[in-house]
PDB file of N, CA and C in Angstrom:
ATOM      1  N   MET A   1     276.485 286.514 -26.779  1.00  0.00           N
ATOM      2  CA  MET A   1     276.979 286.575 -25.433  1.00  0.00           C
ATOM      3  C   MET A   1     277.397 285.195 -24.948  1.00  0.00           C
ATOM      4  N   TYR A   2     276.515 284.213 -25.084  1.00  0.00           N
ATOM      5  CA  TYR A   2     276.857 282.854 -24.694  1.00  0.00           C
ATOM      6  C   TYR A   2     277.136 282.044 -25.943  1.00  0.00           C
ATOM      7  N   ASN A   3     277.961 281.044 -25.790  1.00  0.00           N
ATOM      8  CA  ASN A   3     278.314 280.203 -26.926  1.00  0.00           C
ATOM      9  C   ASN A   3     277.301 279.063 -27.035  1.00  0.00           C
ATOM     10  N   ARG A   4     276.159 279.355 -27.643  1.00  0.00           N
ATOM     11  CA  ARG A   4     275.114 278.347 -27.784  1.00  0.00           C
ATOM     12  C   ARG A   4     275.314 277.560 -29.063  1.00  0.00           C
ATOM     13  N   LYS A   5     274.971 276.279 -28.988  1.00  0.00           N
ATOM     14  CA  LYS A   5     275.019 275.449 -30.184  1.00  0.00           C
ATOM     15  C   LYS A   5     273.812 275.786 -31.048  1.00  0.00           C
ATOM     16  N   PRO A   6     273.984 275.767 -32.352  1.00  0.00           N
ATOM     17  CA  PRO A   6     272.820 276.020 -33.210  1.00  0.00           C
ATOM     18  C   PRO A   6     271.794 274.889 -33.063  1.00  0.00           C
ATOM     19  N   VAL A   7     270.534 275.255 -33.086  1.00  0.00           N
ATOM     20  CA  VAL A   7     269.461 274.278 -32.949  1.00  0.00           C
ATOM     21  C   VAL A   7     269.314 273.526 -34.267  1.00  0.00           C
ATOM     22  N   GLU A   8     269.341 272.189 -34.182  1.00  0.00           N
ATOM     23  CA  GLU A   8     269.180 271.376 -35.384  1.00  0.00           C
ATOM     24  C   GLU A   8     267.705 271.271 -35.738  1.00  0.00           C
ATOM     25  N   VAL A   9     267.393 271.544 -36.984  1.00  0.00           N
ATOM     26  CA  VAL A   9     266.024 271.406 -37.465  1.00  0.00           C
ATOM     27  C   VAL A   9     265.855 269.968 -37.943  1.00  0.00           C
ATOM     28  N   PRO A  10     264.859 269.240 -37.408  1.00  0.00           N
ATOM     29  CA  PRO A  10     264.690 267.846 -37.836  1.00  0.00           C
ATOM     30  C   PRO A  10     264.321 267.758 -39.313  1.00  0.00           C
ATOM     31  N   GLU A  11     264.812 266.715 -39.964  1.00  0.00           N
ATOM     32  CA  GLU A  11     264.512 266.501 -41.379  1.00  0.00           C
ATOM     33  C   GLU A  11     263.041 266.141 -41.530  1.00  0.00           C
ATOM     34  N   GLU A  12     262.372 266.764 -42.509  1.00  0.00           N
ATOM     35  CA  GLU A  12     260.955 266.510 -42.740  1.00  0.00           C
ATOM     36  C   GLU A  12     260.753 265.794 -44.064  1.00  0.00           C
ATOM     37  N   ALA A  13     259.651 265.058 -44.151  1.00  0.00           N
ATOM     38  CA  ALA A  13     259.314 264.333 -45.373  1.00  0.00           C
ATOM     39  C   ALA A  13     257.797 264.284 -45.508  1.00  0.00           C
ATOM     40  N   ASP A  14     257.324 264.032 -46.742  1.00  0.00           N
ATOM     41  CA  ASP A  14     255.898 263.821 -46.957  1.00  0.00           C
ATOM     42  C   ASP A  14     255.495 262.557 -46.205  1.00  0.00           C
ATOM     43  N   THR A  15     254.491 262.680 -45.343  1.00  0.00           N
ATOM     44  CA  THR A  15     254.073 261.581 -44.484  1.00  0.00           C
ATOM     45  C   THR A  15     252.571 261.364 -44.621  1.00  0.00           C
ATOM     46  N   SER A  16     252.158 260.132 -44.812  1.00  0.00           N
ATOM     47  CA  SER A  16     250.733 259.809 -44.875  1.00  0.00           C
ATOM     48  C   SER A  16     250.157 259.837 -43.469  1.00  0.00           C
ATOM     49  N   VAL A  17     249.046 260.559 -43.318  1.00  0.00           N
ATOM     50  CA  VAL A  17     248.379 260.653 -42.019  1.00  0.00           C
ATOM     51  C   VAL A  17     246.883 260.446 -42.199  1.00  0.00           C
ATOM     52  N   TRP A  18     246.233 260.022 -41.123  1.00  0.00           N
ATOM     53  CA  TRP A  18     244.782 259.980 -41.057  1.00  0.00           C
ATOM     54  C   TRP A  18     244.357 261.247 -40.336  1.00  0.00           C
ATOM     55  N   ALA A  19     243.447 262.032 -40.939  1.00  0.00           N
ATOM     56  CA  ALA A  19     242.965 263.274 -40.344  1.00  0.00           C
ATOM     57  C   ALA A  19     241.463 263.170 -40.113  1.00  0.00           C
ATOM     58  N   CYS A  20     241.000 263.721 -39.004  1.00  0.00           N
ATOM     59  CA  CYS A  20     239.586 263.679 -38.660  1.00  0.00           C
ATOM     60  C   CYS A  20     238.781 264.512 -39.658  1.00  0.00           C
ATOM     61  N   THR A  21     237.616 264.008 -40.057  1.00  0.00           N
ATOM     62  CA  THR A  21     236.762 264.716 -41.013  1.00  0.00           C
ATOM     63  C   THR A  21     235.824 265.705 -40.325  1.00  0.00           C
ATOM     64  N   ASN A  22     235.745 265.679 -39.001  1.00  0.00           N
ATOM     65  CA  ASN A  22     234.901 266.601 -38.246  1.00  0.00           C
ATOM     66  C   ASN A  22     235.554 267.985 -38.244  1.00  0.00           C
ATOM     67  N   GLU A  23     234.823 269.009 -38.689  1.00  0.00           N
ATOM     68  CA  GLU A  23     235.360 270.374 -38.785  1.00  0.00           C
ATOM     69  C   GLU A  23     235.874 270.908 -37.448  1.00  0.00           C
ATOM     70  N   GLY A  24     235.236 270.551 -36.352  1.00  0.00           N
ATOM     71  CA  GLY A  24     235.613 271.081 -35.052  1.00  0.00           C
ATOM     72  C   GLY A  24     236.705 270.302 -34.346  1.00  0.00           C
ATOM     73  N   CYS A  25     237.241 269.276 -34.975  1.00  0.00           N
ATOM     74  CA  CYS A  25     238.244 268.412 -34.343  1.00  0.00           C
ATOM     75  C   CYS A  25     239.568 268.524 -35.094  1.00  0.00           C
ATOM     76  N   ASN A  26     240.664 268.586 -34.365  1.00  0.00           N
ATOM     77  CA  ASN A  26     241.996 268.659 -34.969  1.00  0.00           C
ATOM     78  C   ASN A  26     242.741 267.331 -34.888  1.00  0.00           C
ATOM     79  N   GLY A  27     242.033 266.245 -34.656  1.00  0.00           N
ATOM     80  CA  GLY A  27     242.671 264.940 -34.488  1.00  0.00           C
ATOM     81  C   GLY A  27     243.311 264.422 -35.770  1.00  0.00           C
ATOM     82  N   TRP A  28     244.502 263.827 -35.632  1.00  0.00           N
ATOM     83  CA  TRP A  28     245.193 263.186 -36.748  1.00  0.00           C
ATOM     84  C   TRP A  28     246.206 262.209 -36.175  1.00  0.00           C
ATOM     85  N   MET A  29     246.618 261.245 -36.999  1.00  0.00           N
ATOM     86  CA  MET A  29     247.660 260.299 -36.591  1.00  0.00           C
ATOM     87  C   MET A  29     248.427 259.842 -37.826  1.00  0.00           C
ATOM     88  N   ARG A  30     249.680 259.508 -37.626  1.00  0.00           N
ATOM     89  CA  ARG A  30     250.475 258.978 -38.728  1.00  0.00           C
ATOM     90  C   ARG A  30     249.907 257.627 -39.143  1.00  0.00           C
ATOM     91  N   ALA A  31     249.854 257.384 -40.438  1.00  0.00           N
ATOM     92  CA  ALA A  31     249.321 256.116 -40.945  1.00  0.00           C
ATOM     93  C   ALA A  31     250.166 254.939 -40.458  1.00  0.00           C
ATOM     94  N   ASP A  32     251.473 255.136 -40.298  1.00  0.00           N
ATOM     95  CA  ASP A  32     252.359 254.068 -39.821  1.00  0.00           C
ATOM     96  C   ASP A  32     252.041 253.634 -38.390  1.00  0.00           C
ATOM     97  N   PHE A  33     251.388 254.490 -37.621  1.00  0.00           N
ATOM     98  CA  PHE A  33     251.107 254.190 -36.224  1.00  0.00           C
ATOM     99  C   PHE A  33     249.654 253.792 -35.993  1.00  0.00           C
ATOM    100  N   SER A  34     248.918 253.550 -37.055  1.00  0.00           N
ATOM    101  CA  SER A  34     247.523 253.138 -36.952  1.00  0.00           C
ATOM    102  C   SER A  34     247.456 251.617 -36.846  1.00  0.00           C
ATOM    103  N   PHE A  35     246.547 251.117 -36.015  1.00  0.00           N
ATOM    104  CA  PHE A  35     246.411 249.674 -35.821  1.00  0.00           C
ATOM    105  C   PHE A  35     245.374 249.050 -36.742  1.00  0.00           C
ATOM    106  N   VAL A  36     244.514 249.865 -37.356  1.00  0.00           N
ATOM    107  CA  VAL A  36     243.464 249.361 -38.241  1.00  0.00           C
ATOM    108  C   VAL A  36     243.573 250.047 -39.592  1.00  0.00           C
ATOM    109  N   GLU A  37     242.963 249.448 -40.613  1.00  0.00           N
ATOM    110  CA  GLU A  37     243.072 249.998 -41.965  1.00  0.00           C
ATOM    111  C   GLU A  37     242.349 251.324 -42.125  1.00  0.00           C
ATOM    112  N   GLU A  38     241.194 251.495 -41.493  1.00  0.00           N
ATOM    113  CA  GLU A  38     240.444 252.748 -41.544  1.00  0.00           C
ATOM    114  C   GLU A  38     240.041 253.128 -40.123  1.00  0.00           C
ATOM    115  N   PRO A  39     240.897 253.883 -39.422  1.00  0.00           N
ATOM    116  CA  PRO A  39     240.625 254.197 -38.016  1.00  0.00           C
ATOM    117  C   PRO A  39     239.529 255.252 -37.861  1.00  0.00           C
ATOM    118  N   GLU A  40     238.971 255.311 -36.649  1.00  0.00           N
ATOM    119  CA  GLU A  40     238.072 256.399 -36.299  1.00  0.00           C
ATOM    120  C   GLU A  40     238.851 257.335 -35.385  1.00  0.00           C
ATOM    121  N   CYS A  41     238.432 258.587 -35.353  1.00  0.00           N
ATOM    122  CA  CYS A  41     239.149 259.591 -34.569  1.00  0.00           C
ATOM    123  C   CYS A  41     239.125 259.210 -33.088  1.00  0.00           C
ATOM    124  N   PRO A  42     240.284 259.160 -32.431  1.00  0.00           N
ATOM    125  CA  PRO A  42     240.310 258.802 -31.013  1.00  0.00           C
ATOM    126  C   PRO A  42     239.756 259.911 -30.115  1.00  0.00           C
ATOM    127  N   LEU A  43     239.612 261.127 -30.657  1.00  0.00           N
ATOM    128  CA  LEU A  43     239.116 262.240 -29.855  1.00  0.00           C
ATOM    129  C   LEU A  43     237.599 262.381 -29.913  1.00  0.00           C
ATOM    130  N   CYS A  44     237.016 262.268 -31.126  1.00  0.00           N
ATOM    131  CA  CYS A  44     235.575 262.511 -31.269  1.00  0.00           C
ATOM    132  C   CYS A  44     234.820 261.349 -31.902  1.00  0.00           C
ATOM    133  N   ARG A  45     235.510 260.276 -32.264  1.00  0.00           N
ATOM    134  CA  ARG A  45     234.919 259.067 -32.857  1.00  0.00           C
ATOM    135  C   ARG A  45     234.323 259.290 -34.249  1.00  0.00           C
ATOM    136  N   SER A  46     234.738 260.343 -34.959  1.00  0.00           N
ATOM    137  CA  SER A  46     234.291 260.576 -36.336  1.00  0.00           C
ATOM    138  C   SER A  46     235.161 259.781 -37.294  1.00  0.00           C
ATOM    139  N   ALA A  47     234.741 259.732 -38.550  1.00  0.00           N
ATOM    140  CA  ALA A  47     235.536 259.060 -39.583  1.00  0.00           C
ATOM    141  C   ALA A  47     236.812 259.864 -39.843  1.00  0.00           C
ATOM    142  N   MET A  48     237.818 259.195 -40.383  1.00  0.00           N
ATOM    143  CA  MET A  48     239.076 259.858 -40.716  1.00  0.00           C
ATOM    144  C   MET A  48     239.370 259.631 -42.189  1.00  0.00           C
ATOM    145  N   SER A  49     240.074 260.585 -42.803  1.00  0.00           N
ATOM    146  CA  SER A  49     240.452 260.457 -44.209  1.00  0.00           C
ATOM    147  C   SER A  49     241.965 260.577 -44.329  1.00  0.00           C
ATOM    148  N   MET A  50     242.517 259.971 -45.375  1.00  0.00           N
ATOM    149  CA  MET A  50     243.960 259.961 -45.595  1.00  0.00           C
ATOM    150  C   MET A  50     244.407 261.300 -46.181  1.00  0.00           C
ATOM    151  N   GLU A  51     245.516 261.844 -45.650  1.00  0.00           N
ATOM    152  CA  GLU A  51     246.138 263.080 -46.132  1.00  0.00           C
ATOM    153  C   GLU A  51     247.642 262.878 -46.167  1.00  0.00           C
ATOM    154  N   VAL A  52     248.337 263.832 -46.782  1.00  0.00           N
ATOM    155  CA  VAL A  52     249.797 263.848 -46.773  1.00  0.00           C
ATOM    156  C   VAL A  52     250.227 265.173 -46.162  1.00  0.00           C
ATOM    157  N   ARG A  53     251.132 265.109 -45.174  1.00  0.00           N
ATOM    158  CA  ARG A  53     251.633 266.315 -44.503  1.00  0.00           C
ATOM    159  C   ARG A  53     253.152 266.272 -44.445  1.00  0.00           C
ATOM    160  N   GLN A  54     253.765 267.449 -44.354  1.00  0.00           N
ATOM    161  CA  GLN A  54     255.202 267.559 -44.138  1.00  0.00           C
ATOM    162  C   GLN A  54     255.449 267.453 -42.636  1.00  0.00           C
ATOM    163  N   LEU A  55     256.049 266.343 -42.199  1.00  0.00           N
ATOM    164  CA  LEU A  55     256.292 266.105 -40.780  1.00  0.00           C
ATOM    165  C   LEU A  55     257.722 265.634 -40.567  1.00  0.00           C
ATOM    166  N   PRO A  56     258.258 265.846 -39.352  1.00  0.00           N
ATOM    167  CA  PRO A  56     259.577 265.296 -39.043  1.00  0.00           C
ATOM    168  C   PRO A  56     259.560 263.777 -39.190  1.00  0.00           C
ATOM    169  N   ILE A  57     260.666 263.227 -39.642  1.00  0.00           N
ATOM    170  CA  ILE A  57     260.765 261.785 -39.863  1.00  0.00           C
ATOM    171  C   ILE A  57     260.819 261.065 -38.518  1.00  0.00           C
ATOM    172  N   VAL A  58     259.935 260.078 -38.358  1.00  0.00           N
ATOM    173  CA  VAL A  58     259.890 259.233 -37.165  1.00  0.00           C
ATOM    174  C   VAL A  58     259.834 257.795 -37.650  1.00  0.00           C
ATOM    175  N   VAL A  59     260.687 256.947 -37.088  1.00  0.00           N
ATOM    176  CA  VAL A  59     260.715 255.540 -37.483  1.00  0.00           C
ATOM    177  C   VAL A  59     259.869 254.740 -36.506  1.00  0.00           C
ATOM    178  N   ASN A  60     258.948 253.950 -37.030  1.00  0.00           N
ATOM    179  CA  ASN A  60     258.103 253.089 -36.211  1.00  0.00           C
ATOM    180  C   ASN A  60     258.802 251.741 -36.065  1.00  0.00           C
ATOM    181  N   LEU A  61     259.464 251.531 -34.954  1.00  0.00           N
ATOM    182  CA  LEU A  61     260.237 250.313 -34.744  1.00  0.00           C
ATOM    183  C   LEU A  61     259.362 249.083 -34.557  1.00  0.00           C
ATOM    184  N   SER A  62     258.125 249.249 -34.166  1.00  0.00           N
ATOM    185  CA  SER A  62     257.257 248.090 -33.959  1.00  0.00           C
ATOM    186  C   SER A  62     256.777 247.491 -35.273  1.00  0.00           C
ATOM    187  N   ARG A  63     256.935 248.187 -36.390  1.00  0.00           N
ATOM    188  CA  ARG A  63     256.503 247.679 -37.688  1.00  0.00           C
ATOM    189  C   ARG A  63     257.655 247.105 -38.505  1.00  0.00           C
ATOM    190  N   ARG A  64     258.843 247.056 -37.950  1.00  0.00           N
ATOM    191  CA  ARG A  64     259.987 246.524 -38.686  1.00  0.00           C
ATOM    192  C   ARG A  64     259.827 245.029 -38.885  1.00  0.00           C
ATOM    193  N   PRO A  65     260.246 244.511 -40.026  1.00  0.00           N
ATOM    194  CA  PRO A  65     260.177 243.061 -40.224  1.00  0.00           C
ATOM    195  C   PRO A  65     261.143 242.344 -39.283  1.00  0.00           C
ATOM    196  N   VAL A  66     260.739 241.192 -38.816  1.00  0.00           N
ATOM    197  CA  VAL A  66     261.568 240.395 -37.913  1.00  0.00           C
ATOM    198  C   VAL A  66     262.604 239.654 -38.745  1.00  0.00           C
ATOM    199  N   LEU A  67     263.868 239.799 -38.365  1.00  0.00           N
ATOM    200  CA  LEU A  67     264.943 239.109 -39.078  1.00  0.00           C
ATOM    201  C   LEU A  67     265.029 237.675 -38.580  1.00  0.00           C
ATOM    202  N   GLN A  68     265.060 236.746 -39.503  1.00  0.00           N
ATOM    203  CA  GLN A  68     265.171 235.340 -39.130  1.00  0.00           C
ATOM    204  C   GLN A  68     266.615 234.891 -39.288  1.00  0.00           C
ATOM    205  N   SER A  69     267.102 234.141 -38.305  1.00  0.00           N
ATOM    206  CA  SER A  69     268.495 233.684 -38.382  1.00  0.00           C
ATOM    207  C   SER A  69     268.607 232.245 -38.784  1.00  0.00           C
TER     208      SER A  69
END
C-alpha cells in the first residue's frame, strides 16, 4: 500500500564480549569498550568471562590510534 524502503539489516561479525558468570544476571559488554583487562559485572559485581557473540559491527572511535603529523 505504501512505498516503504526496505529495512537494512546491520552487518554482523564475531565479537569478543565479557559476559557475567552469575546465572541470574544477563550483564555483558563488548571487550573493545572495557576499561580494564578483567572487568567485573557493572550490574551485580560478579566476575565476567570472555565469550564470542554475533553482534552488529560497532567501531570504538576512542580506541583509534592517534595519527602524528
